[in-house]
Amino acid sequence: MEQGMAEKPDSKASPQANQESTSNADTNAAPQREPTFQDYLRLFKYANNWDFLAYAAGTAAAISSGVTVPLLNVVFGKFATQFSAYAGTQTLEKGQFQGELNKLSLYMLGLFLGRFVLSYINKLAFRMIGIRISSALRQDFLTALFSQSVHVLDSMPPGYATTVITTASNTVQLGISEKLGVFFEFNATMIASIIIAFIYSWQLSLVTFTAVVFILVSVGILLPPITKGQTRQSQV
């Protein structure tokens, strides 16, 4: 009886001991390595020659689509100039004014159609390449997983491999199919806007560009400490 009474606390304490050992193992586990830009470039080793050709077409379409945004503003500014010349100063005749409006309307329509087609090519190319690379990544992961011993597969929690490959492939597909094209497009818009602004009025652009320099310096100084603080909080 005394032995039976002594064995019961041990059996009740065994789950607690297992939980403590599990938590200690998680605590003593090595921290994950921080991802770098080289890890992002490694994803492109899954691409073939046709994929790189599609990347070149998508990149060119994204840059061209970004350039159309400041050009639309230029055409709209010419619209305002023509209306001001006709209704305000009355330096244009009605027939000349109508001809200029027709020409600028065709420019606006051409830029709109060009942006529509280029955006479609951009999204299609990057989306298809993102799907292909994520599919190749899943296949490589499964090949490496099934090459492991049975002991390694049995030691994994249920659904762990499925969760890892699904999360990783979705992240890769999102980073390639959407973020990369948007990055090229927005940078092209910014650079083209600066160039066009200096072409039309370099004096005014030079004055207003000082605010851009101030913003860039401020963000460059303040953003790294904020990012490091958020990283520390997420790791706690």
Protein backbone atom coordinates (compact mmCIF):
# COMPACT_ATOMS: atom_id res chain seq x y z
CA MET A 1 0.00 0.00 0.00
CA GLU A 2 2.76 2.43 0.88
CA GLN A 3 4.53 1.68 -2.38
CA GLY A 4 1.30 2.23 -4.32
CA MET A 5 0.72 5.51 -2.50
CA ALA A 6 4.29 6.57 -3.32
CA GLU A 7 3.96 5.72 -7.00
CA LYS A 8 0.88 7.92 -7.57
CA PRO A 9 2.60 11.28 -6.97
CA ASP A 10 5.36 10.18 -9.34
CA SER A 11 2.84 9.37 -12.09
CA LYS A 12 1.12 12.71 -11.59
CA ALA A 13 4.39 14.56 -11.62
CA SER A 14 5.63 12.96 -14.83
CA PRO A 15 3.62 15.24 -17.19
CA GLN A 16 4.97 18.28 -15.35
CA ALA A 17 8.47 16.94 -15.71
CA ASN A 18 7.91 16.40 -19.41
CA GLN A 19 6.61 19.94 -19.81
CA GLU A 20 9.61 21.33 -17.93
CA SER A 21 12.02 19.33 -20.06
CA THR A 22 10.27 20.50 -23.20
CA SER A 23 10.39 24.13 -22.14
CA ASN A 24 14.05 23.77 -21.18
CA ALA A 25 14.78 22.27 -24.57
CA ASP A 26 13.03 25.15 -26.29
CA THR A 27 14.92 27.66 -24.16
CA ASN A 28 18.28 26.04 -24.83
CA ALA A 29 17.61 25.74 -28.56
CA ALA A 30 19.84 27.81 -30.79
CA PRO A 31 18.24 31.04 -32.05
CA GLN A 32 17.31 31.19 -35.70
CA ARG A 33 19.67 32.94 -38.07
CA GLU A 34 18.61 36.38 -39.22
CA PRO A 35 17.70 36.44 -42.94
CA THR A 36 19.90 38.51 -45.24
CA PHE A 37 19.68 39.81 -48.78
CA GLN A 38 21.82 36.89 -49.95
CA ASP A 39 19.08 34.53 -48.80
CA TYR A 40 16.63 36.40 -51.03
CA LEU A 41 18.98 36.08 -54.00
CA ARG A 42 19.30 32.35 -53.39
CA LEU A 43 15.65 31.94 -54.35
CA PHE A 44 16.48 32.77 -57.96
CA LYS A 45 18.57 29.63 -58.33
CA TYR A 46 15.26 27.82 -58.85
CA ALA A 47 14.59 29.92 -61.97
CA ASN A 48 15.57 28.77 -65.47
CA ASN A 49 16.40 30.78 -68.59
CA TRP A 50 12.74 31.30 -69.53
CA ASP A 51 12.04 32.56 -66.04
CA PHE A 52 14.82 35.13 -66.28
CA LEU A 53 13.48 36.20 -69.68
CA ALA A 54 10.05 36.71 -68.11
CA TYR A 55 11.71 38.63 -65.28
CA ALA A 56 13.36 40.95 -67.79
CA ALA A 57 10.02 41.54 -69.54
CA GLY A 58 8.23 42.12 -66.23
CA THR A 59 10.93 44.49 -64.99
CA ALA A 60 10.86 46.52 -68.22
CA ALA A 61 7.05 46.66 -68.06
CA ALA A 62 7.12 47.72 -64.39
CA ILE A 63 9.64 50.51 -65.06
CA SER A 64 7.72 51.73 -68.12
CA SER A 65 4.45 51.66 -66.18
CA GLY A 66 6.02 53.74 -63.43
CA VAL A 67 7.26 56.34 -65.92
CA THR A 68 3.74 56.92 -67.25
CA VAL A 69 2.57 58.44 -63.94
CA PRO A 70 4.61 61.68 -64.13
CA LEU A 71 3.91 61.89 -67.87
CA LEU A 72 0.18 61.94 -67.11
CA ASN A 73 0.78 64.90 -64.81
CA VAL A 74 2.67 66.68 -67.60
CA VAL A 75 -0.23 66.20 -70.02
CA PHE A 76 -2.72 67.35 -67.38
CA GLY A 77 -0.59 70.46 -66.80
CA LYS A 78 -0.75 71.22 -70.53
CA PHE A 79 -4.51 70.88 -70.32
CA ALA A 80 -4.57 73.54 -67.61
CA THR A 81 -2.28 75.78 -69.69
CA GLN A 82 -4.56 75.56 -72.74
CA PHE A 83 -7.67 76.36 -70.71
CA SER A 84 -5.90 79.30 -69.11
CA ALA A 85 -4.75 80.60 -72.49
CA TYR A 86 -8.23 80.30 -74.01
CA ALA A 87 -10.49 81.42 -71.16
CA GLY A 88 -8.14 83.62 -69.15
CA THR A 89 -5.77 85.52 -71.43
CA GLN A 90 -7.78 84.68 -74.60
CA THR A 91 -4.65 84.20 -76.68
CA LEU A 92 -6.05 81.14 -78.49
CA GLU A 93 -8.83 80.93 -81.02
CA LYS A 94 -11.60 78.41 -80.64
CA GLY A 95 -10.44 76.16 -83.48
CA GLN A 96 -6.86 76.13 -82.27
CA PHE A 97 -8.01 75.50 -78.71
CA GLN A 98 -10.18 72.58 -79.81
CA GLY A 99 -7.33 71.08 -81.81
CA GLU A 100 -4.95 71.26 -78.86
CA LEU A 101 -7.55 69.62 -76.61
CA ASN A 102 -8.06 66.79 -79.08
CA LYS A 103 -4.33 66.19 -79.31
CA LEU A 104 -3.84 66.21 -75.54
CA SER A 105 -6.84 63.90 -75.11
CA LEU A 106 -5.22 61.41 -77.45
CA TYR A 107 -1.99 61.66 -75.46
CA MET A 108 -3.91 61.01 -72.25
CA LEU A 109 -5.72 58.05 -73.77
CA GLY A 110 -2.48 56.61 -75.14
CA LEU A 111 -0.75 56.89 -71.76
CA PHE A 112 -3.72 55.28 -70.02
CA LEU A 113 -3.82 52.35 -72.44
CA GLY A 114 -0.05 51.98 -72.28
CA ARG A 115 -0.10 51.92 -68.49
CA PHE A 116 -2.92 49.37 -68.52
CA VAL A 117 -1.07 46.99 -70.86
CA LEU A 118 2.28 47.44 -69.11
CA SER A 119 0.75 46.86 -65.68
CA TYR A 120 -0.93 43.71 -66.95
CA ILE A 121 2.38 42.36 -68.33
CA ASN A 122 4.14 43.33 -65.11
CA LYS A 123 1.66 41.58 -62.82
CA LEU A 124 1.35 38.52 -65.06
CA ALA A 125 5.11 37.99 -65.40
CA PHE A 126 5.95 38.36 -61.72
CA ARG A 127 2.92 36.34 -60.61
CA MET A 128 3.76 33.41 -62.88
CA ILE A 129 7.43 33.43 -61.89
CA GLY A 130 6.47 33.58 -58.21
CA ILE A 131 4.24 30.52 -58.64
CA ARG A 132 6.96 28.62 -60.51
CA ILE A 133 9.68 29.38 -57.97
CA SER A 134 7.46 28.54 -54.99
CA SER A 135 6.50 25.26 -56.70
CA ALA A 136 10.17 24.40 -57.29
CA LEU A 137 10.91 25.29 -53.66
CA ARG A 138 8.19 22.94 -52.41
CA GLN A 139 9.50 20.13 -54.58
CA ASP A 140 13.05 20.65 -53.34
CA PHE A 141 11.82 20.72 -49.74
CA LEU A 142 9.91 17.46 -50.15
CA THR A 143 12.91 15.82 -51.82
CA ALA A 144 15.15 16.83 -48.92
CA LEU A 145 12.51 15.80 -46.39
CA PHE A 146 11.97 12.30 -47.81
CA SER A 147 15.71 11.74 -48.00
CA GLN A 148 15.90 11.91 -44.21
CA SER A 149 15.75 8.85 -42.02
CA VAL A 150 12.52 7.58 -40.52
CA HIS A 151 13.68 8.69 -37.07
CA VAL A 152 13.79 12.33 -38.22
CA LEU A 153 10.29 12.13 -39.69
CA ASP A 154 8.88 10.48 -36.56
CA SER A 155 10.42 13.13 -34.31
CA MET A 156 8.51 15.97 -36.06
CA PRO A 157 5.22 17.15 -34.57
CA PRO A 158 2.09 16.33 -36.60
CA GLY A 159 1.64 18.77 -39.48
CA TYR A 160 4.97 20.52 -38.85
CA ALA A 161 6.41 19.89 -42.32
CA THR A 162 3.19 20.95 -44.03
CA THR A 163 3.00 24.17 -42.04
CA VAL A 164 6.63 25.06 -42.72
CA ILE A 165 6.55 24.51 -46.46
CA THR A 166 3.17 26.25 -46.86
CA THR A 167 4.26 29.32 -44.90
CA ALA A 168 7.65 29.53 -46.62
CA SER A 169 6.28 29.08 -50.15
CA ASN A 170 3.51 31.64 -49.59
CA THR A 171 6.04 34.15 -48.27
CA VAL A 172 8.32 33.56 -51.25
CA GLN A 173 5.44 33.89 -53.70
CA LEU A 174 4.27 37.12 -52.08
CA GLY A 175 7.78 38.60 -52.03
CA ILE A 176 8.43 37.81 -55.70
CA SER A 177 5.05 38.11 -57.40
CA GLU A 178 3.89 41.36 -55.75
CA LYS A 179 6.59 43.17 -53.82
CA LEU A 180 9.34 42.98 -56.43
CA GLY A 181 7.25 44.41 -59.26
CA VAL A 182 5.91 47.19 -57.02
CA PHE A 183 9.48 48.01 -55.99
CA PHE A 184 10.62 48.53 -59.59
CA GLU A 185 7.48 50.46 -60.52
CA PHE A 186 7.57 52.90 -57.61
CA ASN A 187 11.30 53.54 -57.95
CA ALA A 188 10.84 54.27 -61.66
CA THR A 189 8.02 56.69 -60.81
CA MET A 190 10.16 58.51 -58.27
CA ILE A 191 13.22 58.80 -60.52
CA ALA A 192 11.19 59.83 -63.58
CA SER A 193 9.33 62.46 -61.53
CA ILE A 194 12.59 64.02 -60.37
CA ILE A 195 14.03 64.07 -63.90
CA ILE A 196 10.88 65.59 -65.44
CA ALA A 197 10.64 68.18 -62.68
CA PHE A 198 14.21 69.35 -63.30
CA ILE A 199 13.61 69.44 -67.06
CA TYR A 200 10.57 71.72 -66.83
CA SER A 201 11.69 73.97 -63.95
CA TRP A 202 15.03 73.23 -62.40
CA GLN A 203 14.95 76.33 -60.16
CA LEU A 204 11.67 75.40 -58.46
CA SER A 205 12.65 71.73 -58.35
CA LEU A 206 15.96 72.57 -56.69
CA VAL A 207 14.18 74.56 -53.99
CA THR A 208 11.60 71.88 -53.26
CA PHE A 209 14.17 69.08 -53.48
CA THR A 210 15.77 70.29 -50.23
CA ALA A 211 12.69 69.00 -48.39
CA VAL A 212 13.26 65.56 -49.94
CA VAL A 213 16.87 65.58 -48.75
CA PHE A 214 15.74 66.53 -45.24
CA ILE A 215 13.19 63.71 -45.20
CA LEU A 216 15.74 61.16 -46.41
CA VAL A 217 18.29 62.21 -43.77
CA SER A 218 15.67 62.16 -41.00
CA VAL A 219 14.38 58.73 -41.99
CA GLY A 220 17.93 57.40 -42.32
CA ILE A 221 18.75 58.54 -38.78
CA LEU A 222 15.50 57.60 -37.03
CA LEU A 223 14.47 54.41 -38.82
CA PRO A 224 17.35 52.08 -37.79
CA PRO A 225 16.83 52.53 -34.00
CA ILE A 226 13.07 52.06 -34.41
CA THR A 227 13.59 48.90 -36.45
CA LYS A 228 16.06 47.48 -33.92
CA GLY A 229 13.66 48.23 -31.06
CA GLN A 230 10.78 46.47 -32.81
CA THR A 231 13.03 43.49 -33.54
CA ARG A 232 14.01 43.19 -29.86
CA GLN A 233 10.37 43.36 -28.78
CA SER A 234 9.37 40.65 -31.24
CA GLN A 235 12.14 38.37 -29.98
CA VAL A 236 11.13 38.73 -26.31
